[in-house]
Amino acid sequence: TIGVDSSAHLTPLIRDPELSKAFLNILTA
């Protein structure tokens, strides 16, 4: 739906404050 390629390979361990905040925003929502 959002146009993401599901064949992409992601970095396994991520330390990213912006992404951590976005994750917690899901909980808030």
PDB file of all heavy atoms in Angstrom:
ATOM      1  N   THR A   1       0.813  -1.206   0.000  1.00  0.00           N
ATOM      2  CA  THR A   1       0.000   0.000   0.000  1.00  0.00           C
ATOM      3  C   THR A   1       0.851   1.263   0.000  1.00  0.00           C
ATOM      4  O   THR A   1       0.512   2.257  -0.648  1.00  0.00           O
ATOM      5  CB  THR A   1      -0.938   0.015   1.219  1.00  0.00           C
ATOM      6  OG1 THR A   1      -1.823  -1.114   1.142  1.00  0.00           O
ATOM      7  CG2 THR A   1      -1.770   1.290   1.276  1.00  0.00           C
ATOM      8  N   ILE A   2       1.974   1.229   0.714  1.00  0.00           N
ATOM      9  CA  ILE A   2       2.828   2.417   0.797  1.00  0.00           C
ATOM     10  C   ILE A   2       3.973   2.370  -0.217  1.00  0.00           C
ATOM     11  O   ILE A   2       4.859   3.226  -0.194  1.00  0.00           O
ATOM     12  CB  ILE A   2       3.379   2.613   2.224  1.00  0.00           C
ATOM     13  CG1 ILE A   2       4.245   1.420   2.645  1.00  0.00           C
ATOM     14  CG2 ILE A   2       2.247   2.826   3.205  1.00  0.00           C
ATOM     15  CD1 ILE A   2       4.889   1.597   4.017  1.00  0.00           C
ATOM     16  N   GLY A   3       3.957   1.356  -1.087  1.00  0.00           N
ATOM     17  CA  GLY A   3       4.944   1.302  -2.160  1.00  0.00           C
ATOM     18  C   GLY A   3       6.312   0.797  -1.768  1.00  0.00           C
ATOM     19  O   GLY A   3       7.304   1.060  -2.449  1.00  0.00           O
ATOM     20  N   VAL A   4       6.373   0.023  -0.666  1.00  0.00           N
ATOM     21  CA  VAL A   4       7.652  -0.522  -0.207  1.00  0.00           C
ATOM     22  C   VAL A   4       7.917  -1.860  -0.893  1.00  0.00           C
ATOM     23  O   VAL A   4       7.018  -2.688  -1.023  1.00  0.00           O
ATOM     24  CB  VAL A   4       7.637  -0.707   1.329  1.00  0.00           C
ATOM     25  CG1 VAL A   4       8.791  -1.573   1.781  1.00  0.00           C
ATOM     26  CG2 VAL A   4       7.712   0.658   2.003  1.00  0.00           C
ATOM     27  N   ASP A   5       9.138  -2.057  -1.319  1.00  0.00           N
ATOM     28  CA  ASP A   5       9.538  -3.311  -1.961  1.00  0.00           C
ATOM     29  C   ASP A   5       9.811  -4.354  -0.881  1.00  0.00           C
ATOM     30  O   ASP A   5      10.771  -4.232  -0.113  1.00  0.00           O
ATOM     31  CB  ASP A   5      10.792  -3.085  -2.806  1.00  0.00           C
ATOM     32  CG  ASP A   5      11.224  -4.333  -3.564  1.00  0.00           C
ATOM     33  OD1 ASP A   5      10.611  -5.395  -3.363  1.00  0.00           O
ATOM     34  OD2 ASP A   5      12.182  -4.242  -4.344  1.00  0.00           O
ATOM     35  N   SER A   6       8.985  -5.393  -0.819  1.00  0.00           N
ATOM     36  CA  SER A   6       9.118  -6.394   0.238  1.00  0.00           C
ATOM     37  C   SER A   6      10.285  -7.350   0.011  1.00  0.00           C
ATOM     38  O   SER A   6      10.478  -8.276   0.796  1.00  0.00           O
ATOM     39  CB  SER A   6       7.813  -7.191   0.374  1.00  0.00           C
ATOM     40  OG  SER A   6       7.481  -7.827  -0.842  1.00  0.00           O
ATOM     41  N   SER A   7      11.077  -7.123  -1.043  1.00  0.00           N
ATOM     42  CA  SER A   7      12.285  -7.917  -1.238  1.00  0.00           C
ATOM     43  C   SER A   7      13.513  -7.217  -0.648  1.00  0.00           C
ATOM     44  O   SER A   7      14.618  -7.736  -0.709  1.00  0.00           O
ATOM     45  CB  SER A   7      12.521  -8.178  -2.733  1.00  0.00           C
ATOM     46  OG  SER A   7      12.873  -6.980  -3.398  1.00  0.00           O
ATOM     47  N   ALA A   8      13.321  -6.034  -0.072  1.00  0.00           N
ATOM     48  CA  ALA A   8      14.438  -5.281   0.488  1.00  0.00           C
ATOM     49  C   ALA A   8      14.993  -5.973   1.720  1.00  0.00           C
ATOM     50  O   ALA A   8      14.273  -6.633   2.469  1.00  0.00           O
ATOM     51  CB  ALA A   8      13.981  -3.866   0.852  1.00  0.00           C
ATOM     52  N   HIS A   9      16.289  -5.814   1.933  1.00  0.00           N
ATOM     53  CA  HIS A   9      16.957  -6.378   3.107  1.00  0.00           C
ATOM     54  C   HIS A   9      17.345  -5.233   4.035  1.00  0.00           C
ATOM     55  O   HIS A   9      18.013  -4.283   3.613  1.00  0.00           O
ATOM     56  CB  HIS A   9      18.198  -7.159   2.680  1.00  0.00           C
ATOM     57  CG  HIS A   9      18.851  -7.905   3.794  1.00  0.00           C
ATOM     58  ND1 HIS A   9      18.426  -9.150   4.198  1.00  0.00           N
ATOM     59  CD2 HIS A   9      19.883  -7.572   4.603  1.00  0.00           C
ATOM     60  CE1 HIS A   9      19.187  -9.561   5.194  1.00  0.00           C
ATOM     61  NE2 HIS A   9      20.063  -8.613   5.466  1.00  0.00           N
ATOM     62  N   LEU A  10      16.915  -5.314   5.289  1.00  0.00           N
ATOM     63  CA  LEU A  10      17.121  -4.220   6.237  1.00  0.00           C
ATOM     64  C   LEU A  10      18.273  -4.510   7.200  1.00  0.00           C
ATOM     65  O   LEU A  10      18.564  -5.663   7.514  1.00  0.00           O
ATOM     66  CB  LEU A  10      15.838  -3.993   7.044  1.00  0.00           C
ATOM     67  CG  LEU A  10      14.604  -3.602   6.235  1.00  0.00           C
ATOM     68  CD1 LEU A  10      13.360  -3.648   7.109  1.00  0.00           C
ATOM     69  CD2 LEU A  10      14.778  -2.219   5.614  1.00  0.00           C
ATOM     70  N   THR A  11      18.898  -3.439   7.668  1.00  0.00           N
ATOM     71  CA  THR A  11      19.937  -3.561   8.693  1.00  0.00           C
ATOM     72  C   THR A  11      19.339  -4.199   9.944  1.00  0.00           C
ATOM     73  O   THR A  11      18.313  -3.731  10.443  1.00  0.00           O
ATOM     74  CB  THR A  11      20.485  -2.169   9.056  1.00  0.00           C
ATOM     75  OG1 THR A  11      20.954  -1.526   7.871  1.00  0.00           O
ATOM     76  CG2 THR A  11      21.603  -2.273  10.078  1.00  0.00           C
ATOM     77  N   PRO A  12      19.934  -5.253  10.491  1.00  0.00           N
ATOM     78  CA  PRO A  12      19.315  -5.945  11.626  1.00  0.00           C
ATOM     79  C   PRO A  12      19.269  -5.131  12.933  1.00  0.00           C
ATOM     80  O   PRO A  12      18.239  -5.098  13.595  1.00  0.00           O
ATOM     81  CB  PRO A  12      20.182  -7.202  11.797  1.00  0.00           C
ATOM     82  CG  PRO A  12      20.791  -7.411  10.450  1.00  0.00           C
ATOM     83  CD  PRO A  12      21.050  -6.032   9.923  1.00  0.00           C
ATOM     84  N   LEU A  13      20.371  -4.490  13.303  1.00  0.00           N
ATOM     85  CA  LEU A  13      20.408  -3.744  14.571  1.00  0.00           C
ATOM     86  C   LEU A  13      20.467  -2.259  14.262  1.00  0.00           C
ATOM     87  O   LEU A  13      21.387  -1.783  13.607  1.00  0.00           O
ATOM     88  CB  LEU A  13      21.610  -4.162  15.413  1.00  0.00           C
ATOM     89  CG  LEU A  13      21.729  -3.479  16.785  1.00  0.00           C
ATOM     90  CD1 LEU A  13      20.509  -3.772  17.658  1.00  0.00           C
ATOM     91  CD2 LEU A  13      23.011  -3.921  17.488  1.00  0.00           C
ATOM     92  N   ILE A  14      19.471  -1.520  14.771  1.00  0.00           N
ATOM     93  CA  ILE A  14      19.324  -0.106  14.419  1.00  0.00           C
ATOM     94  C   ILE A  14      19.304   0.752  15.675  1.00  0.00           C
ATOM     95  O   ILE A  14      18.504   0.503  16.595  1.00  0.00           O
ATOM     96  CB  ILE A  14      18.023   0.105  13.617  1.00  0.00           C
ATOM     97  CG1 ILE A  14      18.084  -0.697  12.306  1.00  0.00           C
ATOM     98  CG2 ILE A  14      17.781   1.578  13.352  1.00  0.00           C
ATOM     99  CD1 ILE A  14      16.765  -0.824  11.606  1.00  0.00           C
ATOM    100  N   ARG A  15      20.166   1.754  15.699  1.00  0.00           N
ATOM    101  CA  ARG A  15      20.170   2.746  16.777  1.00  0.00           C
ATOM    102  C   ARG A  15      19.928   4.097  16.127  1.00  0.00           C
ATOM    103  O   ARG A  15      20.848   4.748  15.640  1.00  0.00           O
ATOM    104  CB  ARG A  15      21.492   2.702  17.540  1.00  0.00           C
ATOM    105  CG  ARG A  15      21.686   1.378  18.286  1.00  0.00           C
ATOM    106  CD  ARG A  15      22.923   1.334  19.146  1.00  0.00           C
ATOM    107  NE  ARG A  15      22.902   0.135  19.983  1.00  0.00           N
ATOM    108  CZ  ARG A  15      23.822  -0.827  19.939  1.00  0.00           C
ATOM    109  NH1 ARG A  15      24.843  -0.720  19.117  1.00  0.00           N
ATOM    110  NH2 ARG A  15      23.722  -1.876  20.736  1.00  0.00           N
ATOM    111  N   ASP A  16      18.673   4.493  16.114  1.00  0.00           N
ATOM    112  CA  ASP A  16      18.239   5.664  15.354  1.00  0.00           C
ATOM    113  C   ASP A  16      17.134   6.360  16.150  1.00  0.00           C
ATOM    114  O   ASP A  16      16.003   5.883  16.199  1.00  0.00           O
ATOM    115  CB  ASP A  16      17.722   5.215  13.983  1.00  0.00           C
ATOM    116  CG  ASP A  16      17.273   6.371  13.101  1.00  0.00           C
ATOM    117  OD1 ASP A  16      16.889   7.425  13.625  1.00  0.00           O
ATOM    118  OD2 ASP A  16      17.293   6.201  11.865  1.00  0.00           O
ATOM    119  N   PRO A  17      17.445   7.473  16.815  1.00  0.00           N
ATOM    120  CA  PRO A  17      16.439   8.159  17.646  1.00  0.00           C
ATOM    121  C   PRO A  17      15.166   8.521  16.890  1.00  0.00           C
ATOM    122  O   PRO A  17      14.062   8.423  17.445  1.00  0.00           O
ATOM    123  CB  PRO A  17      17.182   9.413  18.131  1.00  0.00           C
ATOM    124  CG  PRO A  17      18.623   9.031  18.094  1.00  0.00           C
ATOM    125  CD  PRO A  17      18.767   8.125  16.900  1.00  0.00           C
ATOM    126  N   GLU A  18      15.302   8.944  15.633  1.00  0.00           N
ATOM    127  CA  GLU A  18      14.119   9.310  14.853  1.00  0.00           C
ATOM    128  C   GLU A  18      13.219   8.100  14.639  1.00  0.00           C
ATOM    129  O   GLU A  18      11.988   8.193  14.768  1.00  0.00           O
ATOM    130  CB  GLU A  18      14.534   9.890  13.504  1.00  0.00           C
ATOM    131  CG  GLU A  18      13.339  10.337  12.645  1.00  0.00           C
ATOM    132  CD  GLU A  18      13.748  10.841  11.282  1.00  0.00           C
ATOM    133  OE1 GLU A  18      14.851  10.497  10.820  1.00  0.00           O
ATOM    134  OE2 GLU A  18      12.955  11.596  10.668  1.00  0.00           O
ATOM    135  N   LEU A  19      13.824   6.963  14.345  1.00  0.00           N
ATOM    136  CA  LEU A  19      13.043   5.752  14.105  1.00  0.00           C
ATOM    137  C   LEU A  19      12.439   5.218  15.403  1.00  0.00           C
ATOM    138  O   LEU A  19      11.304   4.734  15.417  1.00  0.00           O
ATOM    139  CB  LEU A  19      13.919   4.696  13.448  1.00  0.00           C
ATOM    140  CG  LEU A  19      13.177   3.600  12.685  1.00  0.00           C
ATOM    141  CD1 LEU A  19      12.383   4.188  11.533  1.00  0.00           C
ATOM    142  CD2 LEU A  19      14.144   2.551  12.176  1.00  0.00           C
ATOM    143  N   SER A  20      13.184   5.316  16.496  1.00  0.00           N
ATOM    144  CA  SER A  20      12.657   4.879  17.800  1.00  0.00           C
ATOM    145  C   SER A  20      11.432   5.701  18.188  1.00  0.00           C
ATOM    146  O   SER A  20      10.436   5.171  18.682  1.00  0.00           O
ATOM    147  CB  SER A  20      13.743   5.009  18.877  1.00  0.00           C
ATOM    148  OG  SER A  20      14.812   4.125  18.623  1.00  0.00           O
ATOM    149  N   LYS A  21      11.498   7.008  17.944  1.00  0.00           N
ATOM    150  CA  LYS A  21      10.360   7.882  18.229  1.00  0.00           C
ATOM    151  C   LYS A  21       9.161   7.499  17.362  1.00  0.00           C
ATOM    152  O   LYS A  21       8.015   7.454  17.839  1.00  0.00           O
ATOM    153  CB  LYS A  21      10.737   9.339  17.988  1.00  0.00           C
ATOM    154  CG  LYS A  21       9.614  10.323  18.294  1.00  0.00           C
ATOM    155  CD  LYS A  21      10.064  11.761  18.066  1.00  0.00           C
ATOM    156  CE  LYS A  21       8.928  12.739  18.352  1.00  0.00           C
ATOM    157  NZ  LYS A  21       9.363  14.152  18.109  1.00  0.00           N
ATOM    158  N   ALA A  22       9.417   7.192  16.089  1.00  0.00           N
ATOM    159  CA  ALA A  22       8.341   6.800  15.185  1.00  0.00           C
ATOM    160  C   ALA A  22       7.694   5.497  15.641  1.00  0.00           C
ATOM    161  O   ALA A  22       6.475   5.322  15.533  1.00  0.00           O
ATOM    162  CB  ALA A  22       8.879   6.658  13.765  1.00  0.00           C
ATOM    163  N   PHE A  23       8.509   4.567  16.154  1.00  0.00           N
ATOM    164  CA  PHE A  23       7.974   3.304  16.677  1.00  0.00           C
ATOM    165  C   PHE A  23       7.044   3.578  17.863  1.00  0.00           C
ATOM    166  O   PHE A  23       5.921   3.068  17.926  1.00  0.00           O
ATOM    167  CB  PHE A  23       9.127   2.390  17.095  1.00  0.00           C
ATOM    168  CG  PHE A  23       8.740   0.943  17.305  1.00  0.00           C
ATOM    169  CD1 PHE A  23       9.280  -0.044  16.516  1.00  0.00           C
ATOM    170  CD2 PHE A  23       7.845   0.579  18.310  1.00  0.00           C
ATOM    171  CE1 PHE A  23       8.933  -1.377  16.699  1.00  0.00           C
ATOM    172  CE2 PHE A  23       7.484  -0.740  18.500  1.00  0.00           C
ATOM    173  CZ  PHE A  23       8.028  -1.725  17.692  1.00  0.00           C
ATOM    174  N   LEU A  24       7.498   4.396  18.801  1.00  0.00           N
ATOM    175  CA  LEU A  24       6.694   4.690  19.986  1.00  0.00           C
ATOM    176  C   LEU A  24       5.439   5.485  19.636  1.00  0.00           C
ATOM    177  O   LEU A  24       4.424   5.395  20.332  1.00  0.00           O
ATOM    178  CB  LEU A  24       7.537   5.435  21.013  1.00  0.00           C
ATOM    179  CG  LEU A  24       8.689   4.626  21.614  1.00  0.00           C
ATOM    180  CD1 LEU A  24       9.510   5.481  22.567  1.00  0.00           C
ATOM    181  CD2 LEU A  24       8.173   3.378  22.323  1.00  0.00           C
ATOM    182  N   ASN A  25       5.489   6.257  18.545  1.00  0.00           N
ATOM    183  CA  ASN A  25       4.292   6.978  18.104  1.00  0.00           C
ATOM    184  C   ASN A  25       3.178   6.018  17.691  1.00  0.00           C
ATOM    185  O   ASN A  25       1.994   6.349  17.779  1.00  0.00           O
ATOM    186  CB  ASN A  25       4.638   7.910  16.939  1.00  0.00           C
ATOM    187  CG  ASN A  25       5.370   9.167  17.393  1.00  0.00           C
ATOM    188  OD1 ASN A  25       5.350   9.511  18.577  1.00  0.00           O
ATOM    189  ND2 ASN A  25       6.020   9.847  16.461  1.00  0.00           N
ATOM    190  N   ILE A  26       3.570   4.825  17.227  1.00  0.00           N
ATOM    191  CA  ILE A  26       2.565   3.811  16.890  1.00  0.00           C
ATOM    192  C   ILE A  26       1.833   3.384  18.163  1.00  0.00           C
ATOM    193  O   ILE A  26       0.601   3.282  18.175  1.00  0.00           O
ATOM    194  CB  ILE A  26       3.224   2.592  16.212  1.00  0.00           C
ATOM    195  CG1 ILE A  26       3.921   3.004  14.918  1.00  0.00           C
ATOM    196  CG2 ILE A  26       2.181   1.504  15.945  1.00  0.00           C
ATOM    197  CD1 ILE A  26       4.751   1.902  14.288  1.00  0.00           C
ATOM    198  N   LEU A  27       2.579   3.161  19.219  1.00  0.00           N
ATOM    199  CA  LEU A  27       1.968   2.793  20.506  1.00  0.00           C
ATOM    200  C   LEU A  27       0.995   3.870  20.956  1.00  0.00           C
ATOM    201  O   LEU A  27      -0.136   3.573  21.372  1.00  0.00           O
ATOM    202  CB  LEU A  27       3.057   2.588  21.557  1.00  0.00           C
ATOM    203  CG  LEU A  27       2.602   2.336  22.995  1.00  0.00           C
ATOM    204  CD1 LEU A  27       1.728   1.096  23.080  1.00  0.00           C
ATOM    205  CD2 LEU A  27       3.802   2.205  23.924  1.00  0.00           C
ATOM    206  N   THR A  28       1.404   5.126  20.861  1.00  0.00           N
ATOM    207  CA  THR A  28       0.535   6.232  21.257  1.00  0.00           C
ATOM    208  C   THR A  28      -0.734   6.261  20.416  1.00  0.00           C
ATOM    209  O   THR A  28      -1.843   6.474  20.934  1.00  0.00           O
ATOM    210  CB  THR A  28       1.285   7.570  21.110  1.00  0.00           C
ATOM    211  OG1 THR A  28       2.450   7.552  21.930  1.00  0.00           O
ATOM    212  CG2 THR A  28       0.388   8.735  21.514  1.00  0.00           C
ATOM    213  N   ALA A  29      -0.592   6.032  19.121  1.00  0.00           N
ATOM    214  CA  ALA A  29      -1.751   6.072  18.222  1.00  0.00           C
ATOM    215  C   ALA A  29      -2.768   4.991  18.554  1.00  0.00           C
ATOM    216  O   ALA A  29      -3.982   5.192  18.406  1.00  0.00           O
ATOM    217  CB  ALA A  29      -1.280   5.925  16.771  1.00  0.00           C
TER     218      ALA A  29
END
